[in-house]
Amino acid sequence: MGSTEGLEIVVDRARPTGRTLLAAGVEQSYVDVADPRHLHFEYVRRMAAVIDLAAPPGRPLSTLHLGGGALTLPRWLATTRPGSAQRVVERDPAVVDLVRRELPPVPTEVEVVIDDARQAVTDAPAGRYDLILADVYRAARMPRHVTSVEFAAEVARALAPDGVYLVNVTDLPPLLLSRTQVATLRAVFADVSLVADRRMLRGRRYGNLVLAAAHRPDRLPVRRLAARVARDPLPGGVLHGPELDAFVAGARPVTDTD
């Protein structure tokens, strides 16, 4: 299939309807063009699990996606929660062009814009979104300006009172980035949890963790989420409360001036 500036979309030989977005040969996103409900990457399934459990089934959610890729979760949300108003912010116009050219169009309620993630959050009206999802990377690293307490505070401002913020964190043992990001979110939000492959939590592999945060204490569906991710093909665990205290012990929040 097509490629642009080191980007390409390739067919999954094991699943002919699957398409993988690659950047310099590295997997970025996966979409099943016949079934948007199919979520290939484990961290995307973990994000979807939080969304499924945090709001009544089928209820439309006003959503801001920071990082677009192949629009996996916007397509999934449009299918599972029809009518959800979604704004997708992607920094790289080449990604947007390739996805528009090679993959099926998204529903009209999904708006894709080219912008910086932090600027998009800063420009968002207060209390606008039920859900904000961040999957923002440049050269396999989270840009520093989307990792700070100040950025988290802008996200909190843009979230509705009962809203949920989800972050994809790519990390490797001893998970220093994840620990500082938990500390950063806890400086702003009353309820924070971490979801990951159990092997990652034991410091045995590189991969993705999902952080969830909310304004209200006990807002996150922790028990049901733990049961759900334990049944995943790649079983996950949830850290919350005292377990998360132990995980984050000694880590400091990140600020813009650090």
Protein backbone atom coordinates (compact mmCIF):
# COMPACT_ATOMS: atom_id res chain seq x y z
CA MET A 1 0.00 0.00 0.00
CA GLY A 2 0.99 3.67 0.07
CA SER A 3 3.93 5.35 1.80
CA THR A 4 4.90 8.98 2.49
CA GLU A 5 8.08 10.39 4.09
CA GLY A 6 8.97 7.17 5.91
CA LEU A 7 5.32 6.45 6.64
CA GLU A 8 3.48 3.48 5.17
CA ILE A 9 0.34 1.46 5.64
CA VAL A 10 0.72 -2.28 5.18
CA VAL A 11 -1.71 -5.19 5.07
CA ASP A 12 -1.66 -7.67 7.96
CA ARG A 13 -0.93 -11.04 6.36
CA ALA A 14 -2.51 -12.86 9.29
CA ARG A 15 -5.68 -10.75 9.11
CA PRO A 16 -6.34 -9.53 5.54
CA THR A 17 -8.66 -6.74 6.68
CA GLY A 18 -6.02 -5.40 9.10
CA ARG A 19 -3.89 -2.38 8.25
CA THR A 20 -0.81 -1.23 10.18
CA LEU A 21 0.54 2.31 10.06
CA LEU A 22 4.35 2.23 10.20
CA ALA A 23 6.76 5.12 10.73
CA ALA A 24 10.33 4.27 9.76
CA GLY A 25 9.33 0.62 10.04
CA VAL A 26 7.94 0.95 13.58
CA GLU A 27 4.29 0.06 14.24
CA GLN A 28 2.22 3.12 15.17
CA SER A 29 -1.44 2.18 14.70
CA TYR A 30 -3.58 -0.72 13.60
CA VAL A 31 -7.05 -0.61 12.05
CA ASP A 32 -9.32 -3.40 10.86
CA VAL A 33 -11.07 -1.85 7.86
CA ALA A 34 -13.95 -4.33 8.13
CA ASP A 35 -14.40 -4.24 11.92
CA PRO A 36 -13.47 -1.05 13.82
CA ARG A 37 -14.27 -2.89 17.07
CA HIS A 38 -11.18 -5.06 16.63
CA LEU A 39 -8.33 -3.56 18.69
CA HIS A 40 -5.00 -5.17 17.93
CA PHE A 41 -2.65 -3.45 20.38
CA GLU A 42 -2.98 -4.33 24.05
CA TYR A 43 -2.65 -0.76 25.33
CA VAL A 44 -5.47 0.35 23.03
CA ARG A 45 -7.65 -2.43 24.46
CA ARG A 46 -6.82 -1.18 27.95
CA MET A 47 -7.86 2.35 27.03
CA ALA A 48 -11.07 0.98 25.53
CA ALA A 49 -11.73 -1.02 28.70
CA VAL A 50 -11.59 2.14 30.82
CA ILE A 51 -13.95 3.91 28.43
CA ASP A 52 -16.37 0.98 28.36
CA LEU A 53 -16.57 0.85 32.15
CA ALA A 54 -16.48 4.57 32.94
CA ALA A 55 -19.68 5.50 31.08
CA PRO A 56 -22.99 3.72 30.44
CA PRO A 57 -22.92 1.48 27.34
CA GLY A 58 -23.63 3.30 24.09
CA ARG A 59 -23.71 6.77 25.61
CA PRO A 60 -22.09 9.31 23.24
CA LEU A 61 -18.97 10.94 24.67
CA SER A 62 -17.51 14.30 23.71
CA THR A 63 -13.89 13.33 23.09
CA LEU A 64 -10.56 14.99 22.39
CA HIS A 65 -7.85 12.74 20.95
CA LEU A 66 -4.30 14.06 21.25
CA GLY A 67 -2.43 12.13 18.60
CA GLY A 68 -4.30 10.70 15.64
CA GLY A 69 -2.33 7.97 13.93
CA ALA A 70 -4.65 5.76 11.90
CA LEU A 71 -7.66 6.90 14.01
CA THR A 72 -8.12 3.53 15.70
CA LEU A 73 -9.99 4.72 18.79
CA PRO A 74 -12.00 7.41 16.97
CA ARG A 75 -13.29 4.67 14.65
CA TRP A 76 -13.97 2.36 17.60
CA LEU A 77 -15.83 5.07 19.52
CA ALA A 78 -17.89 6.03 16.49
CA THR A 79 -18.97 2.37 16.21
CA THR A 80 -19.54 1.59 19.89
CA ARG A 81 -20.93 5.01 20.87
CA PRO A 82 -22.58 6.49 17.76
CA GLY A 83 -23.05 10.23 17.86
CA SER A 84 -19.92 10.90 19.91
CA ALA A 85 -18.54 14.30 18.91
CA GLN A 86 -14.81 13.71 18.46
CA ARG A 87 -11.94 16.10 17.76
CA VAL A 88 -8.64 14.50 16.73
CA VAL A 89 -5.43 16.51 16.96
CA GLU A 90 -2.50 15.27 14.87
CA ARG A 91 0.74 17.23 14.54
CA ASP A 92 2.02 15.58 11.35
CA PRO A 93 0.09 16.47 8.17
CA ALA A 94 1.79 13.61 6.33
CA VAL A 95 0.09 11.13 8.68
CA VAL A 96 -3.29 12.77 8.10
CA ASP A 97 -2.82 12.74 4.33
CA LEU A 98 -1.74 9.08 4.19
CA VAL A 99 -4.58 7.89 6.44
CA ARG A 100 -7.16 9.82 4.44
CA ARG A 101 -5.82 8.41 1.19
CA GLU A 102 -5.37 4.76 2.20
CA LEU A 103 -7.99 4.00 4.86
CA PRO A 104 -11.78 4.26 5.00
CA PRO A 105 -13.15 7.71 5.92
CA VAL A 106 -14.27 8.38 9.46
CA PRO A 107 -17.84 9.46 10.30
CA THR A 108 -18.69 13.14 9.93
CA GLU A 109 -18.83 13.64 13.70
CA VAL A 110 -15.07 12.96 13.83
CA GLU A 111 -13.10 16.13 13.10
CA VAL A 112 -9.37 15.83 12.34
CA VAL A 113 -7.19 18.91 12.75
CA ILE A 114 -3.47 19.54 12.42
CA ASP A 115 -2.23 21.19 15.59
CA ASP A 116 0.06 20.84 18.58
CA ALA A 117 -1.46 18.80 21.40
CA ARG A 118 -0.78 21.30 24.15
CA GLN A 119 -2.04 24.21 22.10
CA ALA A 120 -5.23 22.30 21.33
CA VAL A 121 -5.86 21.64 25.02
CA THR A 122 -5.10 25.24 25.96
CA ASP A 123 -7.58 26.43 23.32
CA ALA A 124 -10.33 24.03 24.44
CA PRO A 125 -13.32 25.50 26.32
CA ALA A 126 -13.50 24.72 30.04
CA GLY A 127 -15.44 21.55 30.87
CA ARG A 128 -15.86 20.71 27.18
CA TYR A 129 -14.89 17.01 27.06
CA ASP A 130 -16.12 13.81 28.69
CA LEU A 131 -12.95 12.10 27.59
CA ILE A 132 -9.43 13.21 26.66
CA LEU A 133 -6.96 10.65 25.32
CA ALA A 134 -3.26 11.37 24.90
CA ASP A 135 -0.99 9.27 22.69
CA VAL A 136 1.60 11.88 21.76
CA TYR A 137 5.07 10.84 20.66
CA ARG A 138 7.94 12.24 18.61
CA ALA A 139 10.78 9.89 17.76
CA ALA A 140 9.42 7.39 20.32
CA ARG A 141 9.45 9.98 23.13
CA MET A 142 6.69 11.97 24.80
CA PRO A 143 7.37 15.67 24.13
CA ARG A 144 8.25 17.36 27.39
CA HIS A 145 5.53 20.01 27.06
CA VAL A 146 2.82 17.33 27.37
CA THR A 147 4.31 15.70 30.48
CA SER A 148 4.12 18.56 33.01
CA VAL A 149 1.82 19.52 35.85
CA GLU A 150 0.90 22.65 33.92
CA PHE A 151 -0.23 20.57 30.94
CA ALA A 152 -2.19 18.22 33.20
CA ALA A 153 -3.90 21.25 34.73
CA GLU A 154 -4.98 22.41 31.27
CA VAL A 155 -6.35 18.94 30.57
CA ALA A 156 -8.24 19.03 33.88
CA ARG A 157 -9.71 22.41 32.97
CA ALA A 158 -10.95 21.10 29.60
CA LEU A 159 -12.52 17.98 31.14
CA ALA A 160 -16.14 17.86 32.28
CA PRO A 161 -16.56 17.39 36.07
CA ASP A 162 -17.12 13.64 35.58
CA GLY A 163 -14.64 13.34 32.73
CA VAL A 164 -11.74 10.90 32.35
CA TYR A 165 -8.21 11.48 31.05
CA LEU A 166 -6.25 8.57 29.52
CA VAL A 167 -2.55 8.59 28.64
CA ASN A 168 -0.44 6.06 26.75
CA VAL A 169 3.06 5.90 28.25
CA THR A 170 5.80 3.91 26.53
CA ASP A 171 8.44 2.93 29.07
CA LEU A 172 11.14 0.44 30.00
CA PRO A 173 12.41 -0.89 33.33
CA PRO A 174 12.64 0.59 35.95
CA LEU A 175 9.64 2.60 34.66
CA LEU A 176 10.98 6.00 35.73
CA LEU A 177 8.88 7.90 33.20
CA SER A 178 5.72 6.13 34.35
CA ARG A 179 6.45 6.90 37.99
CA THR A 180 7.00 10.59 37.32
CA GLN A 181 3.89 10.76 35.17
CA VAL A 182 1.77 9.19 37.93
CA ALA A 183 3.19 11.74 40.37
CA THR A 184 2.43 14.52 37.89
CA LEU A 185 -1.19 13.46 37.40
CA ARG A 186 -1.68 13.02 41.15
CA ALA A 187 -0.63 16.65 41.62
CA VAL A 188 -3.72 17.65 39.62
CA PHE A 189 -6.33 14.87 39.74
CA ALA A 190 -8.06 13.30 42.75
CA ASP A 191 -8.21 9.79 41.26
CA VAL A 192 -5.38 8.15 39.29
CA SER A 193 -4.72 4.54 38.31
CA LEU A 194 -2.24 2.64 36.16
CA VAL A 195 -3.01 -0.31 33.86
CA ALA A 196 -0.30 -2.48 32.32
CA ASP A 197 0.93 -5.91 31.39
CA ARG A 198 1.85 -7.71 34.61
CA ARG A 199 5.32 -8.43 33.24
CA MET A 200 5.90 -4.69 32.87
CA LEU A 201 4.80 -4.10 36.45
CA ARG A 202 7.39 -6.69 37.52
CA GLY A 203 10.07 -4.85 35.54
CA ARG A 204 10.51 -7.59 32.95
CA ARG A 205 9.73 -5.90 29.66
CA TYR A 206 9.53 -2.73 27.61
CA GLY A 207 6.08 -1.65 26.49
CA ASN A 208 3.04 0.53 27.03
CA LEU A 209 1.20 1.48 30.20
CA VAL A 210 -2.09 3.34 30.41
CA LEU A 211 -2.67 6.01 33.03
CA ALA A 212 -6.23 7.04 33.90
CA ALA A 213 -7.18 10.16 35.86
CA ALA A 214 -10.36 11.89 36.99
CA HIS A 215 -11.42 14.89 39.07
CA ARG A 216 -13.52 13.03 41.59
CA PRO A 217 -12.15 10.53 44.15
CA ASP A 218 -13.21 6.95 43.36
CA ARG A 219 -14.46 7.98 39.91
CA LEU A 220 -12.42 5.31 38.11
CA PRO A 221 -14.00 1.81 37.88
CA VAL A 222 -10.96 0.14 39.41
CA ARG A 223 -12.38 -3.23 40.49
CA ARG A 224 -14.28 -3.87 37.29
CA LEU A 225 -11.29 -2.68 35.27
CA ALA A 226 -8.97 -5.09 37.08
CA ALA A 227 -11.32 -7.97 36.30
CA ARG A 228 -11.62 -6.90 32.65
CA VAL A 229 -7.91 -6.53 31.92
CA ALA A 230 -7.10 -9.77 33.71
CA ARG A 231 -9.13 -11.55 31.00
CA ASP A 232 -7.23 -9.92 28.13
CA PRO A 233 -5.19 -12.18 25.82
CA LEU A 234 -2.18 -10.41 27.36
CA PRO A 235 -3.37 -10.20 30.98
CA GLY A 236 -2.94 -6.87 32.69
CA GLY A 237 -2.96 -5.54 36.21
CA VAL A 238 -4.23 -2.33 37.79
CA LEU A 239 -2.41 -0.23 40.38
CA HIS A 240 -4.52 2.12 42.50
CA GLY A 241 -4.52 3.46 46.04
CA PRO A 242 -1.81 1.96 48.31
CA GLU A 243 -0.33 -0.14 45.48
CA LEU A 244 0.06 2.98 43.38
CA ASP A 245 1.53 4.79 46.40
CA ALA A 246 4.24 2.15 46.57
CA PHE A 247 4.85 2.30 42.81
CA VAL A 248 5.30 6.08 42.77
CA ALA A 249 7.21 6.41 46.08
CA GLY A 250 9.96 9.02 45.76
CA ALA A 251 8.95 10.23 42.28
CA ARG A 252 8.46 13.96 41.79
CA PRO A 253 5.94 15.68 39.53
CA VAL A 254 7.35 17.27 36.38
CA THR A 255 6.89 21.01 35.83
CA ASP A 256 7.49 23.25 32.85
CA THR A 257 10.51 24.78 34.55
CA ASP A 258 12.30 21.51 35.43
